[in-house]
Protein backbone atom coordinates (compact mmCIF):
# COMPACT_ATOMS: atom_id res chain seq x y z
CA MET A 1 9.94 -11.51 14.37
CA THR A 2 13.10 -13.87 14.84
CA LEU A 3 16.44 -12.56 13.42
CA HIS A 4 17.93 -14.94 10.95
CA THR A 5 21.17 -14.92 8.76
CA VAL A 6 22.14 -16.27 5.43
CA THR A 7 25.75 -16.65 4.15
CA SER A 8 26.46 -14.59 0.86
CA ALA A 9 28.87 -16.00 -1.85
CA ASP A 10 32.00 -14.10 -0.55
CA GLY A 11 31.24 -15.37 3.02
CA THR A 12 29.42 -12.38 4.46
CA ARG A 13 26.54 -12.87 6.96
CA ILE A 14 23.59 -11.21 6.10
CA ALA A 15 20.85 -10.75 8.66
CA PHE A 16 17.14 -10.72 7.94
CA GLU A 17 13.87 -11.01 9.53
CA THR A 18 10.50 -12.72 8.20
CA THR A 19 6.83 -11.98 9.02
CA GLY A 20 3.56 -13.19 7.49
CA HIS A 21 2.37 -16.16 5.45
CA GLY A 22 2.13 -16.58 1.59
CA PRO A 23 4.27 -16.09 -1.19
CA PRO A 24 7.76 -14.62 -0.37
CA LEU A 25 8.53 -10.82 -0.86
CA ILE A 26 11.89 -9.53 -0.33
CA LEU A 27 12.26 -5.89 0.44
CA VAL A 28 15.52 -4.02 -0.59
CA GLY A 29 16.18 -0.45 0.95
CA GLY A 30 18.13 2.35 -0.24
CA ALA A 31 20.70 4.80 1.30
CA PHE A 32 20.29 5.38 5.00
CA CYS A 33 18.14 2.44 5.31
CA ASP A 34 18.54 -0.87 7.35
CA ARG A 35 15.80 -3.64 7.92
CA THR A 36 13.86 -1.23 10.25
CA ALA A 37 13.28 1.45 7.43
CA PRO A 38 9.46 2.34 7.27
CA THR A 39 9.49 2.13 3.59
CA SER A 40 11.65 -1.10 3.03
CA GLY A 41 11.71 -2.61 6.53
CA THR A 42 9.58 -4.06 9.25
CA PRO A 43 6.93 -1.41 9.16
CA LEU A 44 6.13 -2.03 5.58
CA ALA A 45 6.48 -5.69 6.16
CA ALA A 46 3.97 -5.65 8.91
CA LEU A 47 1.28 -3.94 6.23
CA LEU A 48 1.86 -6.83 3.79
CA ALA A 49 2.32 -9.78 6.23
CA HIS A 50 -1.55 -10.76 5.95
CA ARG A 51 -0.87 -11.67 2.21
CA PHE A 52 2.92 -12.58 1.92
CA THR A 53 5.94 -13.83 4.07
CA VAL A 54 7.93 -10.74 3.88
CA PHE A 55 11.75 -10.58 4.26
CA SER A 56 13.46 -7.39 5.49
CA TYR A 57 17.01 -7.48 5.74
CA ASP A 58 20.08 -5.54 6.34
CA ARG A 59 22.21 -4.92 3.23
CA ARG A 60 25.83 -5.42 4.03
CA GLY A 61 27.49 -3.04 6.18
CA ARG A 62 24.02 -2.14 8.03
CA GLY A 63 22.52 -3.50 11.12
CA ASP A 64 23.33 -6.87 12.10
CA SER A 65 24.87 -8.02 8.55
CA GLY A 66 28.44 -8.23 8.15
CA ASP A 67 30.75 -6.35 5.49
CA THR A 68 33.51 -7.81 3.67
CA PRO A 69 36.18 -5.35 1.92
CA PRO A 70 36.41 -4.11 -0.68
CA HIS A 71 32.86 -3.38 -1.44
CA ALA A 72 31.61 -4.17 -5.04
CA LEU A 73 28.26 -3.86 -6.62
CA GLU A 74 28.12 -7.60 -7.65
CA ARG A 75 28.40 -8.64 -3.86
CA GLU A 76 25.05 -6.91 -3.03
CA GLY A 77 23.45 -9.00 -6.04
CA GLU A 78 24.93 -12.09 -4.38
CA ASP A 79 23.34 -11.02 -0.93
CA LEU A 80 20.20 -10.91 -2.73
CA ALA A 81 20.64 -14.39 -4.42
CA ALA A 82 21.19 -15.75 -1.02
CA LEU A 83 17.94 -14.45 0.50
CA ILE A 84 16.21 -15.52 -2.82
CA THR A 85 17.54 -18.99 -1.81
CA ALA A 86 16.29 -18.74 1.84
CA ALA A 87 12.94 -17.69 0.57
CA GLY A 88 12.77 -21.04 -1.30
CA GLY A 89 14.54 -20.49 -4.58
CA SER A 90 12.27 -17.75 -6.04
CA ALA A 91 10.71 -14.70 -4.65
CA ALA A 92 9.05 -11.44 -5.52
CA VAL A 93 11.11 -8.22 -4.72
CA PHE A 94 10.31 -4.86 -3.86
CA GLY A 95 13.25 -2.14 -4.00
CA ASN A 96 13.03 1.50 -2.83
CA SER A 97 15.09 4.29 -4.02
CA SER A 98 18.39 2.97 -4.80
CA GLY A 99 17.38 -0.56 -3.43
CA GLY A 100 15.27 -0.39 -6.56
CA LEU A 101 18.44 -0.11 -8.85
CA LEU A 102 19.91 -2.97 -6.98
CA ALA A 103 16.92 -5.06 -7.49
CA LEU A 104 16.74 -4.15 -11.25
CA ASP A 105 20.39 -5.12 -11.61
CA ALA A 106 19.61 -8.61 -9.95
CA ALA A 107 16.60 -9.24 -12.19
CA ALA A 108 18.79 -8.21 -15.25
CA ARG A 109 21.34 -10.69 -14.42
CA GLY A 110 18.57 -13.56 -14.28
CA LEU A 111 18.03 -14.04 -10.65
CA PRO A 112 14.69 -15.90 -10.20
CA ILE A 113 12.50 -13.04 -9.44
CA PRO A 114 8.99 -13.41 -10.89
CA LYS A 115 7.75 -10.27 -10.04
CA LEU A 116 9.53 -7.04 -9.28
CA ALA A 117 8.32 -3.52 -7.88
CA VAL A 118 10.47 -0.51 -7.60
CA TYR A 119 9.52 3.15 -6.27
CA GLU A 120 11.71 5.90 -7.66
CA PRO A 121 14.99 4.22 -8.33
CA PRO A 122 17.27 7.35 -9.12
CA VAL A 123 18.08 6.73 -12.50
CA ILE A 124 20.49 9.27 -13.86
CA LEU A 125 20.10 10.07 -17.44
CA ASP A 126 22.79 12.86 -17.50
CA ALA A 127 26.11 10.80 -18.25
CA GLY A 128 28.14 13.87 -16.66
CA ARG A 129 26.14 13.90 -13.66
CA ALA A 130 26.66 10.14 -13.28
CA ARG A 131 30.73 10.42 -13.44
CA ALA A 132 30.44 13.21 -10.91
CA PHE A 133 28.82 10.82 -8.49
CA GLU A 134 31.72 8.41 -9.00
CA ASP A 135 34.38 11.15 -7.68
CA LEU A 136 31.77 12.19 -4.97
CA ALA A 137 31.56 8.41 -3.62
CA LYS A 138 35.46 8.55 -3.31
CA GLN A 139 35.05 11.65 -1.07
CA LEU A 140 32.22 9.85 0.96
CA ASP A 141 34.55 6.95 1.63
CA GLU A 142 37.59 9.19 2.56
CA ALA A 143 35.33 11.17 5.13
CA ALA A 144 33.91 7.86 6.72
CA ALA A 145 37.16 6.29 6.82
CA GLY A 146 38.46 9.54 8.47
CA ASN A 147 35.76 9.21 11.07
CA ARG A 148 34.08 12.20 9.69
CA ARG A 149 30.91 10.78 9.35
CA ALA A 150 28.85 13.83 9.77
CA GLU A 151 30.60 15.45 6.82
CA ALA A 152 29.76 12.18 4.77
CA VAL A 153 26.19 12.72 5.55
CA GLU A 154 25.85 16.39 4.74
CA LEU A 155 27.70 15.57 1.45
CA TYR A 156 25.26 13.20 0.73
CA PHE A 157 22.20 15.34 1.49
CA THR A 158 23.44 18.36 -0.36
CA LYS A 159 25.12 16.99 -3.64
CA VAL A 160 23.11 14.10 -4.27
CA MET A 161 19.78 14.59 -2.62
CA GLN A 162 19.94 18.31 -3.22
CA VAL A 163 18.53 19.40 0.08
CA PRO A 164 19.12 22.94 0.94
CA ALA A 165 22.00 23.52 3.29
CA PRO A 166 19.60 25.17 6.11
CA ALA A 167 17.53 22.11 5.95
CA VAL A 168 20.48 19.71 6.60
CA ALA A 169 21.44 22.36 9.29
CA GLN A 170 18.07 21.42 11.08
CA LEU A 171 18.42 17.79 10.36
CA ARG A 172 21.72 17.88 12.27
CA LYS A 173 19.64 18.64 15.43
CA ALA A 174 17.40 15.97 15.02
CA PRO A 175 17.45 12.79 17.15
CA MET A 176 17.68 10.60 13.69
CA TRP A 177 21.13 12.36 13.01
CA THR A 178 22.83 10.03 15.04
CA GLY A 179 21.41 7.00 13.23
CA LEU A 180 22.47 8.62 9.86
CA GLU A 181 25.97 9.07 10.93
CA HIS A 182 26.08 5.37 11.88
CA LEU A 183 25.30 4.40 8.13
CA ALA A 184 27.64 6.93 6.66
CA HIS A 185 30.47 4.34 5.44
CA THR A 186 27.53 2.82 3.27
CA LEU A 187 26.63 5.89 1.42
CA SER A 188 29.13 5.43 -1.24
CA TYR A 189 27.63 1.86 -2.01
CA ASP A 190 24.44 3.53 -2.96
CA LEU A 191 25.88 6.24 -5.03
CA LEU A 192 27.85 3.73 -7.06
CA ILE A 193 25.01 2.16 -7.86
CA THR A 194 23.19 5.17 -8.92
CA ALA A 195 26.65 6.29 -11.00
CA ARG A 196 25.83 3.54 -13.43
CA GLY A 197 24.07 6.37 -15.38
CA PRO A 198 22.10 6.15 -18.56
CA SER A 199 23.95 2.77 -19.46
CA ARG A 200 21.05 1.25 -17.19
CA LEU A 201 18.67 1.83 -19.70
CA GLU A 202 20.10 -0.85 -21.80
CA GLN A 203 20.78 -3.15 -19.09
CA VAL A 204 17.31 -3.09 -17.97
CA SER A 205 16.21 -4.20 -21.37
CA ALA A 206 17.39 -7.78 -19.97
CA VAL A 207 14.72 -7.70 -17.04
CA ARG A 208 12.07 -10.42 -17.81
CA ALA A 209 10.04 -10.05 -14.48
CA ALA A 210 6.83 -8.72 -14.62
CA THR A 211 7.63 -5.32 -13.16
CA LEU A 212 5.72 -2.27 -11.70
CA VAL A 213 7.86 1.00 -11.74
CA MET A 214 6.36 3.73 -9.56
CA ASP A 215 6.64 7.31 -8.65
CA GLY A 216 5.01 10.01 -6.69
CA GLY A 217 2.68 12.69 -8.01
CA ALA A 218 4.51 15.34 -5.79
CA SER A 219 7.83 14.29 -6.76
CA PRO A 220 9.96 16.61 -8.99
CA GLY A 221 9.59 16.58 -12.53
CA TRP A 222 13.21 15.35 -13.30
CA MET A 223 12.56 12.40 -11.07
CA ARG A 224 9.30 11.65 -12.65
CA GLU A 225 10.56 11.92 -16.39
CA ALA A 226 13.38 9.50 -15.44
CA ILE A 227 10.78 7.09 -14.04
CA GLN A 228 8.63 6.99 -16.96
CA THR A 229 11.94 6.56 -19.27
CA LEU A 230 13.00 3.79 -16.99
CA ALA A 231 9.50 1.85 -17.42
CA ARG A 232 9.41 2.25 -21.12
CA ALA A 233 12.98 0.54 -21.25
CA ILE A 234 11.93 -2.64 -19.40
CA PRO A 235 10.08 -5.05 -21.73
CA SER A 236 7.39 -6.22 -19.07
CA ALA A 237 7.03 -3.00 -17.08
CA ARG A 238 3.99 -0.99 -16.03
CA HIS A 239 3.99 2.47 -14.75
CA ARG A 240 2.01 3.81 -11.81
CA THR A 241 1.96 7.24 -10.16
CA LEU A 242 0.92 7.25 -6.50
CA GLU A 243 -0.74 10.59 -6.45
CA GLY A 244 0.14 12.91 -3.61
CA GLN A 245 3.20 11.11 -2.61
CA ALA A 246 7.02 12.07 -2.76
CA HIS A 247 10.16 10.55 -2.52
CA ALA A 248 9.41 9.79 1.17
CA VAL A 249 6.60 7.69 0.55
CA ASP A 250 3.78 6.53 2.83
CA PRO A 251 4.31 3.01 3.66
CA LYS A 252 0.43 2.54 3.45
CA ALA A 253 0.32 3.79 -0.14
CA LEU A 254 3.16 1.56 -1.05
CA ALA A 255 1.51 -1.48 0.69
CA ARG A 256 -1.90 -0.79 -1.31
CA ALA A 257 -0.08 -0.58 -4.61
CA LEU A 258 2.19 -3.69 -3.93
CA GLU A 259 -0.92 -5.64 -2.86
CA GLU A 260 -2.76 -4.79 -6.18
CA PHE A 261 0.17 -5.77 -8.38
CA LEU A 262 1.69 -8.60 -6.48
CA GLY A 263 -2.05 -10.02 -6.13
CA ASP A 264 -2.72 -10.18 -9.65
């Protein structure tokens, strides 16, 4: 695959790769993800390349993309708009985790997305928890700006993803930890997307794209309840559970579901 770039509305260069042949499909990753992420990057793209021209990109601040301060959620929507233009002016979009929230926001604003699929976007139905995430986003920014990247990663895992401290301690010993620290300055971006809270249910009522909302059968009950509530709030949505899957979903299971939905 060849690396390409587009220029977003604020002048930020966004890096992306394409693979395959067919209708365009843009993949949007969540926290800790760049264009190489298994469930929103080149590994998933390779599984879909026989049916689609798949765009996998580095969200701003990640990989080979630029980052123009100060960060604002609207800028990420403009990045996706620039990619849709590069794809020919209209494209299907798949968003994983908080990347799914970003994709939903873009569709609600009327970007030319005829079909939209999301997997477990973290919709927060508790307004108090959503407000707490706004405060936590500031802590993450302060830790990353002070070069306390490990602290920022630990905060995200323990306070947002609710990973037990002993499990995080084990993660710190893993080879992947260095890569997680490298993306620490972008964690507040994803948290602020999530912190929109229950008001998002009103916003997604403006989504006109045919939409597939997915969750995993092995995911926690609160996540599955939130996903089902989200699906009901989107006018043209269908809900599908991928049995046996959790938030760390198998790319092959995702690819099968996406092919069935996008190929209709």
